[in-house]
N, C-alpha and C. Protein backbone atom coordinates (compact mmCIF):
# COMPACT_ATOMS: atom_id res chain seq x y z
N MET A 1 229.44 124.64 126.88
CA MET A 1 229.22 123.80 128.07
C MET A 1 228.78 124.37 129.13
N ARG A 2 229.09 125.70 129.55
CA ARG A 2 228.62 126.47 130.54
C ARG A 2 227.21 126.73 130.44
N CYS A 3 226.72 127.09 129.38
CA CYS A 3 225.18 127.14 129.04
C CYS A 3 224.40 125.98 129.40
N ALA A 4 224.95 124.71 129.00
CA ALA A 4 224.26 123.44 129.17
C ALA A 4 224.27 123.20 130.75
N ALA A 5 225.36 123.71 131.48
CA ALA A 5 225.24 123.45 132.92
C ALA A 5 224.28 124.25 133.57
N VAL A 6 224.27 125.55 133.00
CA VAL A 6 223.25 126.39 133.62
C VAL A 6 221.92 126.11 133.45
N PHE A 7 221.54 125.62 132.03
CA PHE A 7 220.30 125.23 131.73
C PHE A 7 219.92 123.90 132.58
N ALA A 8 220.90 123.05 132.78
CA ALA A 8 220.47 121.80 133.43
C ALA A 8 220.26 122.12 134.73
N SER A 9 221.01 122.84 135.51
CA SER A 9 220.82 123.21 136.86
C SER A 9 219.47 123.88 137.07
N ALA A 10 219.20 124.78 136.03
CA ALA A 10 217.77 125.41 136.37
C ALA A 10 216.70 124.57 136.16
N PHE A 11 216.81 123.62 135.21
CA PHE A 11 215.83 122.41 134.78
C PHE A 11 215.69 121.58 135.94
N LEU A 12 216.66 121.19 136.56
CA LEU A 12 216.55 120.34 137.68
C LEU A 12 216.18 120.97 138.95
N MET A 13 216.16 122.18 139.31
CA MET A 13 215.68 122.93 140.43
C MET A 13 214.27 123.29 140.16
N SER A 14 213.72 123.30 139.00
CA SER A 14 212.33 123.65 138.87
C SER A 14 211.36 122.34 139.18
N CYS A 15 210.00 122.75 139.53
CA CYS A 15 209.12 121.76 139.77
C CYS A 15 207.83 121.95 138.86
N LEU A 16 207.11 120.76 138.82
CA LEU A 16 206.09 120.84 138.06
C LEU A 16 204.81 120.66 138.97
N VAL A 17 203.86 121.69 138.99
CA VAL A 17 202.68 121.75 139.86
C VAL A 17 201.51 120.98 139.08
N THR A 18 200.90 120.06 139.80
CA THR A 18 199.99 119.03 139.25
C THR A 18 198.63 119.24 139.81
N ASP A 19 198.79 119.91 141.10
CA ASP A 19 197.49 119.95 141.80
C ASP A 19 196.64 121.21 141.51
N THR A 20 195.44 121.20 141.65
CA THR A 20 194.46 122.26 141.30
C THR A 20 194.64 123.14 142.56
N ILE A 21 194.80 124.54 142.06
CA ILE A 21 194.82 125.43 143.12
C ILE A 21 193.50 126.21 143.18
N GLN A 22 192.79 126.29 144.28
CA GLN A 22 191.46 126.90 144.45
C GLN A 22 191.73 128.30 144.95
N LEU A 23 191.48 129.39 144.32
CA LEU A 23 191.65 130.57 145.00
C LEU A 23 190.28 130.86 145.77
N PRO A 24 190.59 131.73 146.86
CA PRO A 24 189.46 131.95 147.61
C PRO A 24 188.32 132.81 146.89
N GLU A 25 187.09 132.67 147.15
CA GLU A 25 186.04 133.32 146.57
C GLU A 25 186.08 134.78 147.10
N GLU A 26 185.83 135.78 146.33
CA GLU A 26 185.72 136.98 146.60
C GLU A 26 184.73 137.30 147.78
N ARG A 27 185.09 137.88 148.84
CA ARG A 27 184.03 138.17 149.78
C ARG A 27 183.04 139.12 149.42
N ASN A 28 181.96 138.85 149.80
CA ASN A 28 180.80 139.68 149.50
C ASN A 28 180.49 140.79 150.62
N PHE A 29 180.89 141.92 150.33
CA PHE A 29 180.78 143.03 151.44
C PHE A 29 179.39 143.70 151.10
N PRO A 30 178.58 144.03 152.19
CA PRO A 30 177.46 144.72 151.97
C PRO A 30 177.53 146.26 151.51
N PRO A 31 176.64 146.56 150.78
CA PRO A 31 176.76 147.92 150.18
C PRO A 31 176.38 149.01 151.24
N SER A 32 176.45 150.06 151.06
CA SER A 32 176.16 151.30 151.97
C SER A 32 175.59 152.45 151.09
N VAL A 33 174.87 153.21 151.50
CA VAL A 33 174.13 154.39 150.86
C VAL A 33 174.52 155.61 151.67
N ILE A 34 174.87 156.65 150.86
CA ILE A 34 175.32 158.06 151.37
C ILE A 34 174.35 159.01 150.36
N SER A 35 174.14 160.11 150.95
CA SER A 35 173.58 161.26 150.26
C SER A 35 174.85 161.94 149.58
N PRO A 36 174.61 162.54 148.21
CA PRO A 36 175.63 163.22 147.69
C PRO A 36 175.87 164.70 148.44
N ASP A 37 176.89 165.20 148.26
CA ASP A 37 177.26 166.40 148.92
C ASP A 37 176.25 167.53 148.65
N ASP A 38 175.72 167.55 147.52
CA ASP A 38 174.76 168.68 147.20
C ASP A 38 173.38 168.52 147.57
N ALA A 39 173.11 167.24 148.05
CA ALA A 39 171.80 166.76 148.77
C ALA A 39 171.16 167.54 149.82
N ARG A 40 172.34 167.98 150.65
CA ARG A 40 171.90 168.85 151.79
C ARG A 40 171.33 170.26 151.32
N LEU A 41 172.02 170.73 150.34
CA LEU A 41 171.69 172.10 149.89
C LEU A 41 170.31 171.99 149.21
N GLU A 42 169.87 170.90 148.63
CA GLU A 42 168.72 170.69 147.82
C GLU A 42 167.51 170.21 148.92
N GLY A 43 168.00 170.09 150.18
CA GLY A 43 167.06 169.54 151.07
C GLY A 43 166.54 168.12 150.79
N THR A 44 167.44 167.09 150.30
CA THR A 44 167.18 165.81 150.06
C THR A 44 168.02 164.85 150.72
N SER A 45 168.82 165.40 151.59
CA SER A 45 169.78 164.33 152.25
C SER A 45 169.01 163.52 153.49
N PHE A 46 169.39 162.38 153.47
CA PHE A 46 168.41 161.52 154.47
C PHE A 46 168.91 161.84 155.85
N ASP A 47 169.65 162.70 156.14
CA ASP A 47 169.82 163.11 157.64
C ASP A 47 168.98 164.38 157.89
N GLN A 48 168.00 164.79 157.06
CA GLN A 48 167.23 165.80 157.26
C GLN A 48 165.77 165.61 156.83
N ILE A 49 164.89 166.26 157.43
CA ILE A 49 163.62 166.04 157.00
C ILE A 49 163.30 166.75 155.60
N VAL A 50 162.80 165.81 154.53
CA VAL A 50 162.73 166.43 153.30
C VAL A 50 161.41 167.02 153.23
N VAL A 51 161.24 168.24 152.80
CA VAL A 51 160.05 168.98 152.47
C VAL A 51 159.60 168.74 151.09
N PHE A 52 158.45 168.42 150.75
CA PHE A 52 157.84 168.18 149.42
C PHE A 52 156.55 169.15 149.42
N ASP A 53 156.68 170.34 148.59
CA ASP A 53 155.52 171.22 148.50
C ASP A 53 154.71 170.98 147.12
N VAL A 54 153.49 170.31 147.37
CA VAL A 54 152.57 170.20 146.29
C VAL A 54 152.31 171.33 145.45
N ALA A 55 152.50 172.51 146.10
CA ALA A 55 152.19 173.81 145.23
C ALA A 55 153.17 174.06 144.11
N ASP A 56 154.37 173.40 144.35
CA ASP A 56 155.53 173.65 143.32
C ASP A 56 155.15 172.96 142.05
N GLU A 57 153.97 172.05 142.00
CA GLU A 57 153.64 171.26 141.01
C GLU A 57 154.79 170.25 140.40
N GLU A 58 155.67 169.69 141.24
CA GLU A 58 156.54 168.84 140.76
C GLU A 58 155.86 167.42 140.62
N VAL A 59 156.16 166.71 139.68
CA VAL A 59 155.55 165.42 139.22
C VAL A 59 156.05 164.24 140.17
N GLU A 60 157.20 164.64 140.85
CA GLU A 60 158.01 163.52 141.64
C GLU A 60 158.79 164.16 142.59
N LEU A 61 159.07 163.31 143.59
CA LEU A 61 160.11 163.76 144.61
C LEU A 61 161.37 163.07 144.14
N VAL A 62 162.38 163.75 144.02
CA VAL A 62 163.60 163.11 143.46
C VAL A 62 164.68 163.09 144.60
N LEU A 63 165.16 161.81 144.89
CA LEU A 63 166.12 161.70 145.92
C LEU A 63 167.35 161.08 145.37
N PRO A 64 168.46 161.87 145.25
CA PRO A 64 169.75 161.42 144.63
C PRO A 64 170.51 160.59 145.82
N VAL A 65 171.11 159.57 145.44
CA VAL A 65 171.97 158.83 146.33
C VAL A 65 173.24 158.27 145.73
N ILE A 66 174.13 157.91 146.46
CA ILE A 66 175.38 157.26 146.00
C ILE A 66 175.46 155.84 146.75
N VAL A 67 175.50 154.82 146.05
CA VAL A 67 175.72 153.51 146.60
C VAL A 67 177.09 153.02 146.55
N ARG A 68 177.62 152.88 147.55
CA ARG A 68 179.04 152.38 147.79
C ARG A 68 178.98 150.87 147.95
N ASP A 69 179.90 150.14 147.07
CA ASP A 69 180.14 148.66 147.13
C ASP A 69 181.41 148.34 146.76
N PRO A 70 182.25 147.76 147.63
CA PRO A 70 183.60 147.39 147.37
C PRO A 70 183.75 146.23 146.26
N ASN A 71 182.55 145.52 146.13
CA ASN A 71 182.49 144.45 145.10
C ASN A 71 182.11 145.04 143.71
N LEU A 72 183.03 145.56 143.19
CA LEU A 72 183.09 146.41 141.95
C LEU A 72 182.38 145.75 140.83
N ASP A 73 182.35 144.48 140.69
CA ASP A 73 181.75 143.93 139.60
C ASP A 73 180.33 143.24 139.88
N GLN A 74 179.67 143.57 140.91
CA GLN A 74 178.45 142.99 141.48
C GLN A 74 177.32 143.84 141.13
N THR A 75 176.31 143.21 140.46
CA THR A 75 174.98 143.89 140.17
C THR A 75 174.24 143.87 141.47
N LEU A 76 173.67 145.14 141.81
CA LEU A 76 172.91 145.23 142.96
C LEU A 76 171.59 145.45 142.67
N GLU A 77 170.70 144.98 143.79
CA GLU A 77 169.19 145.18 143.69
C GLU A 77 168.82 146.15 144.58
N TYR A 78 167.72 146.96 144.24
CA TYR A 78 167.14 147.88 145.29
C TYR A 78 165.61 147.70 145.35
N GLN A 79 165.10 148.11 146.29
CA GLN A 79 163.61 148.30 146.57
C GLN A 79 163.38 149.62 147.29
N LEU A 80 162.52 150.50 146.82
CA LEU A 80 162.17 151.70 147.43
C LEU A 80 160.74 151.62 147.78
N TRP A 81 160.43 151.77 149.14
CA TRP A 81 159.28 151.58 149.92
C TRP A 81 158.87 152.90 150.42
N LEU A 82 157.49 153.10 150.45
CA LEU A 82 156.70 154.24 151.01
C LEU A 82 155.82 153.89 152.04
N ASP A 83 156.13 154.13 153.40
CA ASP A 83 155.24 153.82 154.55
C ASP A 83 154.99 152.41 154.57
N PHE A 84 155.97 151.67 154.45
CA PHE A 84 155.77 150.12 154.66
C PHE A 84 155.57 149.77 156.08
N THR A 85 154.48 148.78 156.08
CA THR A 85 154.31 148.23 157.44
C THR A 85 153.81 146.80 157.18
N GLY A 86 154.16 145.81 158.12
CA GLY A 86 153.51 144.44 158.06
C GLY A 86 154.16 143.80 156.66
N ASN A 87 153.14 143.39 155.94
CA ASN A 87 153.51 142.67 154.54
C ASN A 87 152.92 143.39 153.39
N ASN A 88 152.74 144.76 153.60
CA ASN A 88 151.89 145.58 152.56
C ASN A 88 152.90 145.80 151.38
N VAL A 89 152.80 144.81 150.23
CA VAL A 89 153.52 144.87 149.02
C VAL A 89 153.18 146.08 148.20
N ASN A 90 151.93 146.76 148.39
CA ASN A 90 151.65 148.02 147.73
C ASN A 90 152.28 149.01 148.08
N ALA A 91 153.17 149.10 149.14
CA ALA A 91 154.04 150.11 149.65
C ALA A 91 155.15 150.30 148.76
N LEU A 92 155.43 149.30 147.87
CA LEU A 92 156.62 149.21 146.95
C LEU A 92 156.33 150.33 145.77
N VAL A 93 157.40 151.38 145.91
CA VAL A 93 157.31 152.36 145.03
C VAL A 93 157.90 151.96 143.60
N SER A 94 159.17 151.41 143.76
CA SER A 94 159.94 150.86 142.66
C SER A 94 161.07 149.93 143.07
N ASP A 95 161.37 149.07 142.11
CA ASP A 95 162.59 148.27 142.43
C ASP A 95 163.30 147.95 141.03
N GLY A 96 164.66 147.44 141.28
CA GLY A 96 165.39 147.30 140.05
C GLY A 96 166.70 146.92 140.40
N THR A 97 167.65 147.24 139.30
CA THR A 97 168.99 146.77 139.63
C THR A 97 169.96 148.11 139.37
N LEU A 98 171.11 147.99 140.05
CA LEU A 98 172.19 148.93 139.67
C LEU A 98 173.29 148.30 139.14
N SER A 99 173.62 148.37 137.90
CA SER A 99 174.76 147.63 137.13
C SER A 99 176.18 148.18 137.73
N PRO A 100 176.96 147.36 137.64
CA PRO A 100 178.26 147.59 138.01
C PRO A 100 179.03 148.67 137.13
N VAL A 101 179.83 149.81 137.75
CA VAL A 101 180.26 150.73 136.83
C VAL A 101 181.83 150.63 136.97
N GLY A 102 182.32 149.68 137.66
CA GLY A 102 183.82 149.38 137.92
C GLY A 102 184.38 150.41 138.80
N ALA A 103 183.62 151.11 139.63
CA ALA A 103 184.04 152.04 140.74
C ALA A 103 183.35 151.66 141.98
N PHE A 104 184.01 152.22 143.00
CA PHE A 104 183.41 152.11 144.32
C PHE A 104 182.01 152.70 144.51
N GLU A 105 181.94 153.84 143.96
CA GLU A 105 180.54 154.56 144.19
C GLU A 105 179.79 154.55 142.79
N ARG A 106 178.46 154.36 143.05
CA ARG A 106 177.57 154.34 141.90
C ARG A 106 176.37 155.43 142.26
N SER A 107 176.28 156.52 141.46
CA SER A 107 175.29 157.43 141.60
C SER A 107 174.19 157.16 140.94
N THR A 108 172.97 157.41 141.69
CA THR A 108 171.69 157.00 141.10
C THR A 108 170.71 158.00 141.69
N THR A 109 169.52 158.05 141.23
CA THR A 109 168.41 158.71 141.71
C THR A 109 167.07 157.99 141.93
N MET A 110 166.54 158.15 143.11
CA MET A 110 165.19 157.42 143.41
C MET A 110 164.23 158.44 143.20
N ARG A 111 162.85 158.02 142.60
CA ARG A 111 161.94 158.84 142.35
C ARG A 111 160.61 158.38 142.96
N ILE A 112 159.84 159.20 143.40
CA ILE A 112 158.52 158.77 144.00
C ILE A 112 157.51 159.92 143.36
N PRO A 113 156.45 159.24 142.68
CA PRO A 113 155.46 160.15 142.11
C PRO A 113 154.69 161.04 143.15
N ALA A 114 154.35 162.26 142.73
CA ALA A 114 153.74 163.11 143.77
C ALA A 114 152.35 162.45 144.11
N THR A 115 151.78 161.65 143.18
CA THR A 115 150.56 161.24 143.47
C THR A 115 150.45 160.13 144.66
N ARG A 116 151.54 159.73 145.00
CA ARG A 116 151.80 158.69 146.10
C ARG A 116 152.10 159.52 147.39
N LEU A 117 152.39 160.89 147.38
CA LEU A 117 152.57 161.58 148.57
C LEU A 117 151.43 162.41 149.12
N VAL A 118 150.40 162.64 148.30
CA VAL A 118 149.25 163.62 148.66
C VAL A 118 148.40 162.78 149.58
N PRO A 119 147.58 163.36 150.38
CA PRO A 119 147.36 164.85 150.46
C PRO A 119 148.24 165.49 151.33
N ALA A 120 148.19 166.88 151.33
CA ALA A 120 148.91 167.73 152.15
C ALA A 120 148.09 168.31 153.34
N PRO A 121 148.63 168.54 154.42
CA PRO A 121 149.77 168.11 154.95
C PRO A 121 149.79 166.62 155.39
N SER A 122 150.90 166.06 155.12
CA SER A 122 151.18 164.66 155.69
C SER A 122 152.58 164.44 155.76
N CYS A 123 152.91 163.19 156.47
CA CYS A 123 154.36 162.94 156.40
C CYS A 123 154.48 161.52 156.09
N HIS A 124 155.67 161.15 155.57
CA HIS A 124 155.85 159.70 154.93
C HIS A 124 157.14 159.30 155.35
N ARG A 125 157.43 157.92 155.37
CA ARG A 125 158.68 157.25 155.68
C ARG A 125 159.08 156.56 154.39
N VAL A 126 160.02 157.11 153.86
CA VAL A 126 160.77 156.57 152.51
C VAL A 126 161.85 155.56 153.01
N GLU A 127 161.87 154.23 152.39
CA GLU A 127 162.85 153.45 152.79
C GLU A 127 163.42 152.94 151.44
N LEU A 128 164.86 152.92 151.44
CA LEU A 128 165.67 152.45 150.44
C LEU A 128 166.47 151.16 150.90
N LEU A 129 166.32 149.88 150.30
CA LEU A 129 166.94 148.79 150.60
C LEU A 129 167.90 148.32 149.42
N VAL A 130 169.10 148.08 149.62
CA VAL A 130 170.08 147.64 148.65
C VAL A 130 170.78 146.43 149.13
N THR A 131 170.85 145.41 148.08
CA THR A 131 171.52 144.27 148.45
C THR A 131 172.16 143.66 147.20
N GLY A 132 172.92 142.52 147.33
CA GLY A 132 173.32 141.72 146.18
C GLY A 132 172.11 140.97 145.45
N ALA A 133 171.21 140.45 146.29
CA ALA A 133 170.09 139.84 145.81
C ALA A 133 169.05 139.76 146.90
N PHE A 134 167.71 139.97 146.61
CA PHE A 134 166.68 140.02 147.42
C PHE A 134 166.10 138.44 147.47
N ASP A 135 165.47 137.98 148.57
CA ASP A 135 165.11 136.75 148.70
C ASP A 135 163.75 136.51 147.72
N ARG A 136 162.83 137.49 147.71
CA ARG A 136 161.84 137.37 146.61
C ARG A 136 160.74 136.34 147.00
N GLY A 137 160.80 135.78 148.15
CA GLY A 137 159.94 134.77 148.52
C GLY A 137 158.97 135.41 149.63
N THR A 138 158.67 134.66 150.65
CA THR A 138 157.81 135.08 151.60
C THR A 138 158.55 136.28 152.50
N ARG A 139 159.96 136.22 152.47
CA ARG A 139 160.71 137.13 153.01
C ARG A 139 161.20 138.21 151.92
N PHE A 140 160.35 138.82 151.23
CA PHE A 140 160.70 139.59 150.01
C PHE A 140 161.54 140.87 150.18
N ARG A 141 161.61 141.29 151.35
CA ARG A 141 162.52 142.40 151.68
C ARG A 141 163.83 141.97 152.32
N ASP A 142 164.09 140.66 152.54
CA ASP A 142 165.39 140.37 153.07
C ASP A 142 166.29 139.86 151.88
N PRO A 143 167.58 140.01 152.20
CA PRO A 143 168.53 139.66 151.41
C PRO A 143 168.71 138.07 151.28
N VAL A 144 169.28 137.53 150.13
CA VAL A 144 169.56 136.18 150.03
C VAL A 144 170.68 135.81 151.18
N GLU A 145 171.57 136.66 151.19
CA GLU A 145 172.85 136.34 152.11
C GLU A 145 172.61 137.32 153.33
N PRO A 146 172.48 136.63 154.38
CA PRO A 146 172.23 137.31 155.64
C PRO A 146 173.23 138.48 155.83
N GLY A 147 172.87 139.76 156.31
CA GLY A 147 173.85 140.78 156.50
C GLY A 147 174.17 141.66 155.26
N ASP A 148 173.79 141.19 154.11
CA ASP A 148 174.13 141.75 152.69
C ASP A 148 173.01 142.81 152.51
N LEU A 149 172.93 143.94 153.32
CA LEU A 149 171.76 144.75 153.21
C LEU A 149 172.14 146.30 153.67
N SER A 150 171.70 147.26 152.77
CA SER A 150 171.96 148.61 153.25
C SER A 150 170.43 149.12 153.26
N GLN A 151 170.02 149.72 154.43
CA GLN A 151 168.69 150.32 154.70
C GLN A 151 168.91 151.87 154.92
N THR A 152 168.11 152.63 154.08
CA THR A 152 168.30 154.06 154.26
C THR A 152 166.88 154.59 154.34
N VAL A 153 166.82 155.43 155.35
CA VAL A 153 165.47 155.97 155.62
C VAL A 153 165.33 157.60 155.37
N TRP A 154 164.34 158.13 154.80
CA TRP A 154 164.17 159.55 154.67
C TRP A 154 162.77 159.74 155.29
N TRP A 155 162.60 160.81 156.02
CA TRP A 155 161.21 161.35 156.57
C TRP A 155 160.84 162.61 155.56
N VAL A 156 159.61 162.44 155.01
CA VAL A 156 159.35 163.39 154.04
C VAL A 156 157.95 164.25 154.66
N ARG A 157 158.07 165.52 154.61
CA ARG A 157 157.14 166.22 155.16
C ARG A 157 156.42 166.77 153.72
N VAL A 158 155.16 166.58 153.39
CA VAL A 158 154.28 167.00 152.38
C VAL A 158 153.46 168.39 152.92
N ILE A 159 153.70 169.33 152.19
CA ILE A 159 152.86 170.53 152.63
C ILE A 159 152.42 171.25 151.30
N ASP A 160 151.29 172.12 151.40
CA ASP A 160 150.85 172.91 150.31
C ASP A 160 150.87 174.33 150.64
N SER A 161 151.87 175.00 150.20
CA SER A 161 152.10 176.39 150.71
C SER A 161 151.15 177.37 150.08
N ILE A 162 150.35 176.91 149.06
CA ILE A 162 149.43 178.07 148.52
C ILE A 162 148.10 177.72 149.04
N ASN A 163 147.58 176.52 148.98
CA ASN A 163 146.19 176.23 149.42
C ASN A 163 146.03 176.04 150.81
N ASN A 164 147.06 175.90 151.57
CA ASN A 164 147.01 175.61 152.92
C ASN A 164 148.28 176.33 153.68
N PRO A 165 148.34 177.63 153.50
CA PRO A 165 149.80 178.35 153.91
C PRO A 165 149.78 178.22 155.40
N GLY A 166 148.76 178.30 156.20
CA GLY A 166 148.91 178.39 157.72
C GLY A 166 148.79 177.03 158.45
N GLY A 167 148.22 175.93 157.46
CA GLY A 167 147.79 174.67 158.09
C GLY A 167 148.75 173.66 157.74
N ASN A 168 150.00 173.83 157.68
CA ASN A 168 150.84 172.75 157.28
C ASN A 168 151.71 172.24 158.37
N ALA A 169 151.08 172.36 159.64
CA ALA A 169 151.86 171.64 160.93
C ALA A 169 151.59 170.11 160.70
N ILE A 170 152.42 169.51 161.29
CA ILE A 170 152.42 168.09 161.11
C ILE A 170 152.83 167.49 162.47
N ASP A 171 151.99 166.74 163.06
CA ASP A 171 152.33 166.05 164.26
C ASP A 171 153.14 164.81 163.85
N LEU A 172 154.58 165.02 164.13
CA LEU A 172 155.45 163.98 163.69
C LEU A 172 155.18 162.52 164.33
N SER A 173 154.44 162.40 165.57
CA SER A 173 154.23 161.27 166.11
C SER A 173 153.10 160.68 165.18
N SER A 174 152.37 161.23 164.25
CA SER A 174 151.59 160.45 163.39
C SER A 174 152.18 159.95 162.16
N CYS A 175 153.46 160.06 162.00
CA CYS A 175 154.25 159.44 160.81
C CYS A 175 154.36 158.08 161.01
N PRO A 176 154.26 157.41 159.89
CA PRO A 176 154.20 155.91 159.83
C PRO A 176 155.66 155.37 160.35
C-alpha cells in the first residue's frame, strides 16, 4: 500500500513535456594564429623579420603556426598570400582546409617555394588568412561570416650570402 501511495504521488507530480526545445546554436568564435615556441629560435616567428638565404639551397620557406579555435569541431579554411595588392589572385601561394583535431590548438606548417621568393636581395609580405569559410566570390579574401577571420603577417628578407655577401642591404620602405 505504501509503495502504491509513493508511486501514485510521484506519478501525479511529474509532467509531460510536449513542446520542442531549441537549444541555442553554438557561437562561431574567430580563430587566432600564434607562432610555436620554437619558431623564435628558428627565426620564423611572425613577430620578427624572417631571413631566407637562397645560398642555403632550401627549396621552400617553412613557417610553422598554431591555429587556435574554440569551435573544436569546425573545419577551417586558410589562404597564404605573397605580396598581395589590389585583386592580384596570382599572389595566392596556397589555400586549403584545417580539419578539426578535437583540441583548441591545431599545429600546421605553411610553405612557400623558394622560386616565389627570388631574386635576392628582396623583401616580401607573407599573409595568412584563416576563417570558417571564405566568400570565394568577388570578395575572395573575406569570410562568409563578418569578423570570423584571423590575419597574420610575416616580413621576409631574402638574401644571398654567397653570391652577394656585401650587397644584401634592403630598403624596408620598398617592401610590398
